[in-house]
PDB file of all heavy atoms in Angstrom:
ATOM      1  N   PRO A   1     126.585  95.644  68.618  1.00  0.00           N
ATOM      2  CA  PRO A   1     125.864  96.352  69.688  1.00  0.00           C
ATOM      3  C   PRO A   1     126.586  97.612  70.156  1.00  0.00           C
ATOM      4  O   PRO A   1     125.954  98.627  70.439  1.00  0.00           O
ATOM      5  CB  PRO A   1     125.769  95.301  70.798  1.00  0.00           C
ATOM      6  CG  PRO A   1     125.831  93.990  70.081  1.00  0.00           C
ATOM      7  CD  PRO A   1     126.740  94.214  68.920  1.00  0.00           C
ATOM      8  N   ARG A   2     127.919  97.554  70.248  1.00  0.00           N
ATOM      9  CA  ARG A   2     128.672  98.738  70.672  1.00  0.00           C
ATOM     10  C   ARG A   2     128.543  99.857  69.640  1.00  0.00           C
ATOM     11  O   ARG A   2     128.378 101.037  70.004  1.00  0.00           O
ATOM     12  CB  ARG A   2     130.136  98.376  70.875  1.00  0.00           C
ATOM     13  CG  ARG A   2     131.012  99.574  71.257  1.00  0.00           C
ATOM     14  CD  ARG A   2     132.408  99.143  71.607  1.00  0.00           C
ATOM     15  NE  ARG A   2     132.434  98.322  72.808  1.00  0.00           N
ATOM     16  CZ  ARG A   2     133.566  97.855  73.370  1.00  0.00           C
ATOM     17  NH1 ARG A   2     134.737  98.131  72.821  1.00  0.00           N
ATOM     18  NH2 ARG A   2     133.504  97.113  74.451  1.00  0.00           N
ATOM     19  N   ALA A   3     128.596  99.497  68.352  1.00  0.00           N
ATOM     20  CA  ALA A   3     128.464 100.512  67.306  1.00  0.00           C
ATOM     21  C   ALA A   3     127.068 101.127  67.321  1.00  0.00           C
ATOM     22  O   ALA A   3     126.910 102.333  67.097  1.00  0.00           O
ATOM     23  CB  ALA A   3     128.757  99.892  65.942  1.00  0.00           C
ATOM     24  N   ARG A   4     126.057 100.310  67.623  1.00  0.00           N
ATOM     25  CA  ARG A   4     124.691 100.836  67.673  1.00  0.00           C
ATOM     26  C   ARG A   4     124.551 101.892  68.761  1.00  0.00           C
ATOM     27  O   ARG A   4     123.845 102.884  68.598  1.00  0.00           O
ATOM     28  CB  ARG A   4     123.705  99.694  67.939  1.00  0.00           C
ATOM     29  CG  ARG A   4     123.519  98.747  66.765  1.00  0.00           C
ATOM     30  CD  ARG A   4     122.373  97.783  67.029  1.00  0.00           C
ATOM     31  NE  ARG A   4     122.387  96.676  66.090  1.00  0.00           N
ATOM     32  CZ  ARG A   4     122.479  95.397  66.453  1.00  0.00           C
ATOM     33  NH1 ARG A   4     122.556  95.074  67.724  1.00  0.00           N
ATOM     34  NH2 ARG A   4     122.491  94.449  65.543  1.00  0.00           N
ATOM     35  N   GLN A   5     125.195 101.675  69.891  1.00  0.00           N
ATOM     36  CA  GLN A   5     125.108 102.645  70.981  1.00  0.00           C
ATOM     37  C   GLN A   5     125.721 103.983  70.575  1.00  0.00           C
ATOM     38  O   GLN A   5     125.237 105.040  70.982  1.00  0.00           O
ATOM     39  CB  GLN A   5     125.823 102.097  72.224  1.00  0.00           C
ATOM     40  CG  GLN A   5     125.115 100.901  72.853  1.00  0.00           C
ATOM     41  CD  GLN A   5     125.861 100.386  74.077  1.00  0.00           C
ATOM     42  OE1 GLN A   5     126.932 100.872  74.418  1.00  0.00           O
ATOM     43  NE2 GLN A   5     125.276  99.386  74.743  1.00  0.00           N
ATOM     44  N   VAL A   6     126.771 103.935  69.759  1.00  0.00           N
ATOM     45  CA  VAL A   6     127.460 105.159  69.354  1.00  0.00           C
ATOM     46  C   VAL A   6     126.697 105.900  68.262  1.00  0.00           C
ATOM     47  O   VAL A   6     126.519 107.121  68.327  1.00  0.00           O
ATOM     48  CB  VAL A   6     128.900 104.832  68.880  1.00  0.00           C
ATOM     49  CG1 VAL A   6     129.585 106.098  68.356  1.00  0.00           C
ATOM     50  CG2 VAL A   6     129.702 104.204  70.005  1.00  0.00           C
ATOM     51  N   VAL A   7     126.223 105.159  67.265  1.00  0.00           N
ATOM     52  CA  VAL A   7     125.604 105.804  66.098  1.00  0.00           C
ATOM     53  C   VAL A   7     124.082 105.774  66.168  1.00  0.00           C
ATOM     54  O   VAL A   7     123.423 106.184  65.214  1.00  0.00           O
ATOM     55  CB  VAL A   7     126.080 105.132  64.791  1.00  0.00           C
ATOM     56  CG1 VAL A   7     127.592 105.146  64.691  1.00  0.00           C
ATOM     57  CG2 VAL A   7     125.559 103.681  64.699  1.00  0.00           C
ATOM     58  N   GLY A   8     123.515 105.311  67.286  1.00  0.00           N
ATOM     59  CA  GLY A   8     122.067 105.154  67.408  1.00  0.00           C
ATOM     60  C   GLY A   8     121.268 106.386  67.046  1.00  0.00           C
ATOM     61  O   GLY A   8     120.321 106.314  66.239  1.00  0.00           O
ATOM     62  N   PRO A   9     121.581 107.566  67.592  1.00  0.00           N
ATOM     63  CA  PRO A   9     120.787 108.763  67.264  1.00  0.00           C
ATOM     64  C   PRO A   9     120.817 109.111  65.774  1.00  0.00           C
ATOM     65  O   PRO A   9     119.782 109.461  65.193  1.00  0.00           O
ATOM     66  CB  PRO A   9     121.450 109.857  68.107  1.00  0.00           C
ATOM     67  CG  PRO A   9     122.080 109.123  69.251  1.00  0.00           C
ATOM     68  CD  PRO A   9     122.539 107.828  68.677  1.00  0.00           C
ATOM     69  N   GLU A  10     122.009 109.029  65.168  1.00  0.00           N
ATOM     70  CA  GLU A  10     122.108 109.333  63.737  1.00  0.00           C
ATOM     71  C   GLU A  10     121.335 108.314  62.900  1.00  0.00           C
ATOM     72  O   GLU A  10     120.672 108.668  61.909  1.00  0.00           O
ATOM     73  CB  GLU A  10     123.579 109.358  63.296  1.00  0.00           C
ATOM     74  CG  GLU A  10     124.372 110.538  63.796  1.00  0.00           C
ATOM     75  CD  GLU A  10     124.783 110.388  65.254  1.00  0.00           C
ATOM     76  OE1 GLU A  10     124.662 109.247  65.780  1.00  0.00           O
ATOM     77  OE2 GLU A  10     125.201 111.383  65.863  1.00  0.00           O
ATOM     78  N   LEU A  11     121.404 107.043  63.300  1.00  0.00           N
ATOM     79  CA  LEU A  11     120.702 105.999  62.561  1.00  0.00           C
ATOM     80  C   LEU A  11     119.189 106.170  62.693  1.00  0.00           C
ATOM     81  O   LEU A  11     118.438 106.001  61.721  1.00  0.00           O
ATOM     82  CB  LEU A  11     121.131 104.618  63.072  1.00  0.00           C
ATOM     83  CG  LEU A  11     120.609 103.395  62.307  1.00  0.00           C
ATOM     84  CD1 LEU A  11     120.944 103.494  60.829  1.00  0.00           C
ATOM     85  CD2 LEU A  11     121.189 102.117  62.894  1.00  0.00           C
ATOM     86  N   ALA A  12     118.719 106.532  63.891  1.00  0.00           N
ATOM     87  CA  ALA A  12     117.286 106.766  64.089  1.00  0.00           C
ATOM     88  C   ALA A  12     116.805 107.930  63.223  1.00  0.00           C
ATOM     89  O   ALA A  12     115.723 107.872  62.632  1.00  0.00           O
ATOM     90  CB  ALA A  12     117.001 107.048  65.562  1.00  0.00           C
ATOM     91  N   ASP A  13     117.616 109.005  63.135  1.00  0.00           N
ATOM     92  CA  ASP A  13     117.260 110.135  62.268  1.00  0.00           C
ATOM     93  C   ASP A  13     117.184 109.703  60.805  1.00  0.00           C
ATOM     94  O   ASP A  13     116.320 110.171  60.057  1.00  0.00           O
ATOM     95  CB  ASP A  13     118.285 111.262  62.422  1.00  0.00           C
ATOM     96  CG  ASP A  13     118.144 111.998  63.745  1.00  0.00           C
ATOM     97  OD1 ASP A  13     117.082 111.855  64.381  1.00  0.00           O
ATOM     98  OD2 ASP A  13     119.089 112.707  64.140  1.00  0.00           O
ATOM     99  N   ALA A  14     118.098 108.819  60.404  1.00  0.00           N
ATOM    100  CA  ALA A  14     118.089 108.333  59.021  1.00  0.00           C
ATOM    101  C   ALA A  14     116.812 107.542  58.734  1.00  0.00           C
ATOM    102  O   ALA A  14     116.226 107.662  57.648  1.00  0.00           O
ATOM    103  CB  ALA A  14     119.326 107.468  58.760  1.00  0.00           C
ATOM    104  N   TYR A  15     116.376 106.732  59.693  1.00  0.00           N
ATOM    105  CA  TYR A  15     115.112 106.016  59.524  1.00  0.00           C
ATOM    106  C   TYR A  15     113.950 107.002  59.385  1.00  0.00           C
ATOM    107  O   TYR A  15     113.038 106.798  58.576  1.00  0.00           O
ATOM    108  CB  TYR A  15     114.856 105.083  60.711  1.00  0.00           C
ATOM    109  CG  TYR A  15     115.528 103.743  60.592  1.00  0.00           C
ATOM    110  CD1 TYR A  15     116.689 103.460  61.306  1.00  0.00           C
ATOM    111  CD2 TYR A  15     115.009 102.747  59.772  1.00  0.00           C
ATOM    112  CE1 TYR A  15     117.316 102.232  61.213  1.00  0.00           C
ATOM    113  CE2 TYR A  15     115.631 101.517  59.667  1.00  0.00           C
ATOM    114  CZ  TYR A  15     116.782 101.261  60.386  1.00  0.00           C
ATOM    115  OH  TYR A  15     117.398 100.043  60.276  1.00  0.00           O
ATOM    116  N   GLY A  16     113.977 108.064  60.187  1.00  0.00           N
ATOM    117  CA  GLY A  16     112.933 109.075  60.086  1.00  0.00           C
ATOM    118  C   GLY A  16     112.861 109.689  58.704  1.00  0.00           C
ATOM    119  O   GLY A  16     111.770 109.883  58.146  1.00  0.00           O
ATOM    120  N   SER A  17     114.021 109.974  58.111  1.00  0.00           N
ATOM    121  CA  SER A  17     114.048 110.537  56.753  1.00  0.00           C
ATOM    122  C   SER A  17     113.485 109.546  55.738  1.00  0.00           C
ATOM    123  O   SER A  17     112.758 109.925  54.812  1.00  0.00           O
ATOM    124  CB  SER A  17     115.487 110.909  56.374  1.00  0.00           C
ATOM    125  OG  SER A  17     115.996 111.904  57.240  1.00  0.00           O
ATOM    126  N   ALA A  18     113.833 108.274  55.890  1.00  0.00           N
ATOM    127  CA  ALA A  18     113.318 107.262  54.965  1.00  0.00           C
ATOM    128  C   ALA A  18     111.801 107.147  55.083  1.00  0.00           C
ATOM    129  O   ALA A  18     111.098 106.969  54.074  1.00  0.00           O
ATOM    130  CB  ALA A  18     113.984 105.913  55.254  1.00  0.00           C
ATOM    131  N   PHE A  19     111.277 107.262  56.285  1.00  0.00           N
ATOM    132  CA  PHE A  19     109.825 107.180  56.452  1.00  0.00           C
ATOM    133  C   PHE A  19     109.119 108.428  55.911  1.00  0.00           C
ATOM    134  O   PHE A  19     107.945 108.360  55.549  1.00  0.00           O
ATOM    135  CB  PHE A  19     109.470 106.941  57.917  1.00  0.00           C
ATOM    136  CG  PHE A  19     109.461 105.491  58.307  1.00  0.00           C
ATOM    137  CD1 PHE A  19     110.466 104.974  59.112  1.00  0.00           C
ATOM    138  CD2 PHE A  19     108.467 104.640  57.837  1.00  0.00           C
ATOM    139  CE1 PHE A  19     110.468 103.630  59.459  1.00  0.00           C
ATOM    140  CE2 PHE A  19     108.463 103.305  58.177  1.00  0.00           C
ATOM    141  CZ  PHE A  19     109.467 102.789  58.992  1.00  0.00           C
ATOM    142  N   TRP A  20     109.806 109.567  55.858  1.00  0.00           N
ATOM    143  CA  TRP A  20     109.217 110.728  55.178  1.00  0.00           C
ATOM    144  C   TRP A  20     108.991 110.425  53.702  1.00  0.00           C
ATOM    145  O   TRP A  20     107.986 110.832  53.107  1.00  0.00           O
ATOM    146  CB  TRP A  20     110.116 111.955  55.337  1.00  0.00           C
ATOM    147  CG  TRP A  20     109.855 112.788  56.547  1.00  0.00           C
ATOM    148  CD1 TRP A  20     110.718 113.058  57.569  1.00  0.00           C
ATOM    149  CD2 TRP A  20     108.627 113.470  56.869  1.00  0.00           C
ATOM    150  NE1 TRP A  20     110.108 113.854  58.510  1.00  0.00           N
ATOM    151  CE2 TRP A  20     108.836 114.128  58.110  1.00  0.00           C
ATOM    152  CE3 TRP A  20     107.391 113.586  56.242  1.00  0.00           C
ATOM    153  CZ2 TRP A  20     107.843 114.895  58.722  1.00  0.00           C
ATOM    154  CZ3 TRP A  20     106.399 114.353  56.853  1.00  0.00           C
ATOM    155  CH2 TRP A  20     106.621 114.992  58.071  1.00  0.00           C
ATOM    156  N   VAL A  21     109.942 109.708  53.091  1.00  0.00           N
ATOM    157  CA  VAL A  21     109.779 109.306  51.689  1.00  0.00           C
ATOM    158  C   VAL A  21     108.603 108.341  51.559  1.00  0.00           C
ATOM    159  O   VAL A  21     107.791 108.449  50.632  1.00  0.00           O
ATOM    160  CB  VAL A  21     111.083 108.667  51.161  1.00  0.00           C
ATOM    161  CG1 VAL A  21     110.891 108.141  49.740  1.00  0.00           C
ATOM    162  CG2 VAL A  21     112.226 109.672  51.201  1.00  0.00           C
ATOM    163  N   ALA A  22     108.496 107.391  52.488  1.00  0.00           N
ATOM    164  CA  ALA A  22     107.360 106.460  52.477  1.00  0.00           C
ATOM    165  C   ALA A  22     106.046 107.221  52.647  1.00  0.00           C
ATOM    166  O   ALA A  22     105.036 106.890  52.005  1.00  0.00           O
ATOM    167  CB  ALA A  22     107.519 105.420  53.584  1.00  0.00           C
ATOM    168  N   PHE A  23     106.051 108.238  53.477  1.00  0.00           N
ATOM    169  CA  PHE A  23     104.868 109.075  53.692  1.00  0.00           C
ATOM    170  C   PHE A  23     104.455 109.757  52.382  1.00  0.00           C
ATOM    171  O   PHE A  23     103.272 109.756  52.006  1.00  0.00           O
ATOM    172  CB  PHE A  23     105.190 110.119  54.766  1.00  0.00           C
ATOM    173  CG  PHE A  23     104.050 111.041  55.101  1.00  0.00           C
ATOM    174  CD1 PHE A  23     103.096 110.698  56.046  1.00  0.00           C
ATOM    175  CD2 PHE A  23     103.930 112.272  54.463  1.00  0.00           C
ATOM    176  CE1 PHE A  23     102.050 111.551  56.353  1.00  0.00           C
ATOM    177  CE2 PHE A  23     102.883 113.134  54.760  1.00  0.00           C
ATOM    178  CZ  PHE A  23     101.944 112.770  55.707  1.00  0.00           C
ATOM    179  N   ALA A  24     105.427 110.327  51.672  1.00  0.00           N
ATOM    180  CA  ALA A  24     105.132 111.016  50.413  1.00  0.00           C
ATOM    181  C   ALA A  24     104.650 110.040  49.338  1.00  0.00           C
ATOM    182  O   ALA A  24     103.716 110.347  48.580  1.00  0.00           O
ATOM    183  CB  ALA A  24     106.374 111.761  49.929  1.00  0.00           C
ATOM    184  N   LEU A  25     105.265 108.861  49.274  1.00  0.00           N
ATOM    185  CA  LEU A  25     104.854 107.861  48.291  1.00  0.00           C
ATOM    186  C   LEU A  25     103.435 107.374  48.569  1.00  0.00           C
ATOM    187  O   LEU A  25     102.667 107.097  47.637  1.00  0.00           O
ATOM    188  CB  LEU A  25     105.828 106.683  48.306  1.00  0.00           C
ATOM    189  CG  LEU A  25     107.239 106.967  47.765  1.00  0.00           C
ATOM    190  CD1 LEU A  25     108.166 105.807  48.064  1.00  0.00           C
ATOM    191  CD2 LEU A  25     107.194 107.244  46.262  1.00  0.00           C
ATOM    192  N   THR A  26     103.096 107.265  49.851  1.00  0.00           N
ATOM    193  CA  THR A  26     101.733 106.865  50.214  1.00  0.00           C
ATOM    194  C   THR A  26     100.728 107.921  49.773  1.00  0.00           C
ATOM    195  O   THR A  26      99.644 107.593  49.272  1.00  0.00           O
ATOM    196  CB  THR A  26     101.632 106.647  51.731  1.00  0.00           C
ATOM    197  OG1 THR A  26     102.597 105.672  52.143  1.00  0.00           O
ATOM    198  CG2 THR A  26     100.243 106.164  52.115  1.00  0.00           C
ATOM    199  N   ALA A  27     101.090 109.193  49.928  1.00  0.00           N
ATOM    200  CA  ALA A  27     100.189 110.276  49.521  1.00  0.00           C
ATOM    201  C   ALA A  27      99.919 110.244  48.020  1.00  0.00           C
ATOM    202  O   ALA A  27      98.828 110.627  47.563  1.00  0.00           O
ATOM    203  CB  ALA A  27     100.781 111.624  49.920  1.00  0.00           C
ATOM    204  N   LEU A  28     100.875 109.763  47.231  1.00  0.00           N
ATOM    205  CA  LEU A  28     100.701 109.709  45.773  1.00  0.00           C
ATOM    206  C   LEU A  28      99.575 108.768  45.352  1.00  0.00           C
ATOM    207  O   LEU A  28      99.047 108.887  44.244  1.00  0.00           O
ATOM    208  CB  LEU A  28     102.010 109.266  45.105  1.00  0.00           C
ATOM    209  CG  LEU A  28     103.139 110.295  45.023  1.00  0.00           C
ATOM    210  CD1 LEU A  28     104.371 109.672  44.375  1.00  0.00           C
ATOM    211  CD2 LEU A  28     102.688 111.528  44.233  1.00  0.00           C
ATOM    212  N   ILE A  29      99.203 107.821  46.225  1.00  0.00           N
ATOM    213  CA  ILE A  29      98.131 106.887  45.889  1.00  0.00           C
ATOM    214  C   ILE A  29      96.819 107.632  45.662  1.00  0.00           C
ATOM    215  O   ILE A  29      95.924 107.152  44.955  1.00  0.00           O
ATOM    216  CB  ILE A  29      97.968 105.835  47.004  1.00  0.00           C
ATOM    217  CG1 ILE A  29      99.289 105.092  47.225  1.00  0.00           C
ATOM    218  CG2 ILE A  29      96.875 104.830  46.677  1.00  0.00           C
ATOM    219  CD1 ILE A  29      99.277 104.161  48.426  1.00  0.00           C
ATOM    220  N   LEU A  30      96.702 108.834  46.235  1.00  0.00           N
ATOM    221  CA  LEU A  30      95.479 109.620  46.053  1.00  0.00           C
ATOM    222  C   LEU A  30      95.237 109.979  44.590  1.00  0.00           C
ATOM    223  O   LEU A  30      94.085 110.181  44.181  1.00  0.00           O
ATOM    224  CB  LEU A  30      95.542 110.901  46.888  1.00  0.00           C
ATOM    225  CG  LEU A  30      95.451 110.723  48.412  1.00  0.00           C
ATOM    226  CD1 LEU A  30      95.756 112.032  49.110  1.00  0.00           C
ATOM    227  CD2 LEU A  30      94.075 110.201  48.792  1.00  0.00           C
ATOM    228  N   VAL A  31      96.296 110.048  43.786  1.00  0.00           N
ATOM    229  CA  VAL A  31      96.135 110.427  42.370  1.00  0.00           C
ATOM    230  C   VAL A  31      95.338 109.362  41.609  1.00  0.00           C
ATOM    231  O   VAL A  31      94.280 109.667  41.036  1.00  0.00           O
ATOM    232  CB  VAL A  31      97.505 110.678  41.714  1.00  0.00           C
ATOM    233  CG1 VAL A  31      97.329 110.993  40.228  1.00  0.00           C
ATOM    234  CG2 VAL A  31      98.222 111.835  42.413  1.00  0.00           C
ATOM    235  N   PRO A  32      95.781 108.089  41.565  1.00  0.00           N
ATOM    236  CA  PRO A  32      94.944 107.091  40.871  1.00  0.00           C
ATOM    237  C   PRO A  32      93.634 106.816  41.616  1.00  0.00           C
ATOM    238  O   PRO A  32      92.654 106.403  40.988  1.00  0.00           O
ATOM    239  CB  PRO A  32      95.827 105.845  40.825  1.00  0.00           C
ATOM    240  CG  PRO A  32      96.794 106.019  41.937  1.00  0.00           C
ATOM    241  CD  PRO A  32      97.047 107.491  42.022  1.00  0.00           C
ATOM    242  N   ALA A  33      93.607 107.035  42.938  1.00  0.00           N
ATOM    243  CA  ALA A  33      92.369 106.796  43.699  1.00  0.00           C
ATOM    244  C   ALA A  33      91.237 107.688  43.205  1.00  0.00           C
ATOM    245  O   ALA A  33      90.062 107.324  43.295  1.00  0.00           O
ATOM    246  CB  ALA A  33      92.611 107.023  45.185  1.00  0.00           C
TER     247      ALA A  33
END
């Protein structure tokens, strides 16, 4: 919990970047669709 308080903003940004990849992968479904 103490480490989360310190690195929380950086970790949240990292999740945001990972979801950008999920967003792009979801868009690819339009090709076979």
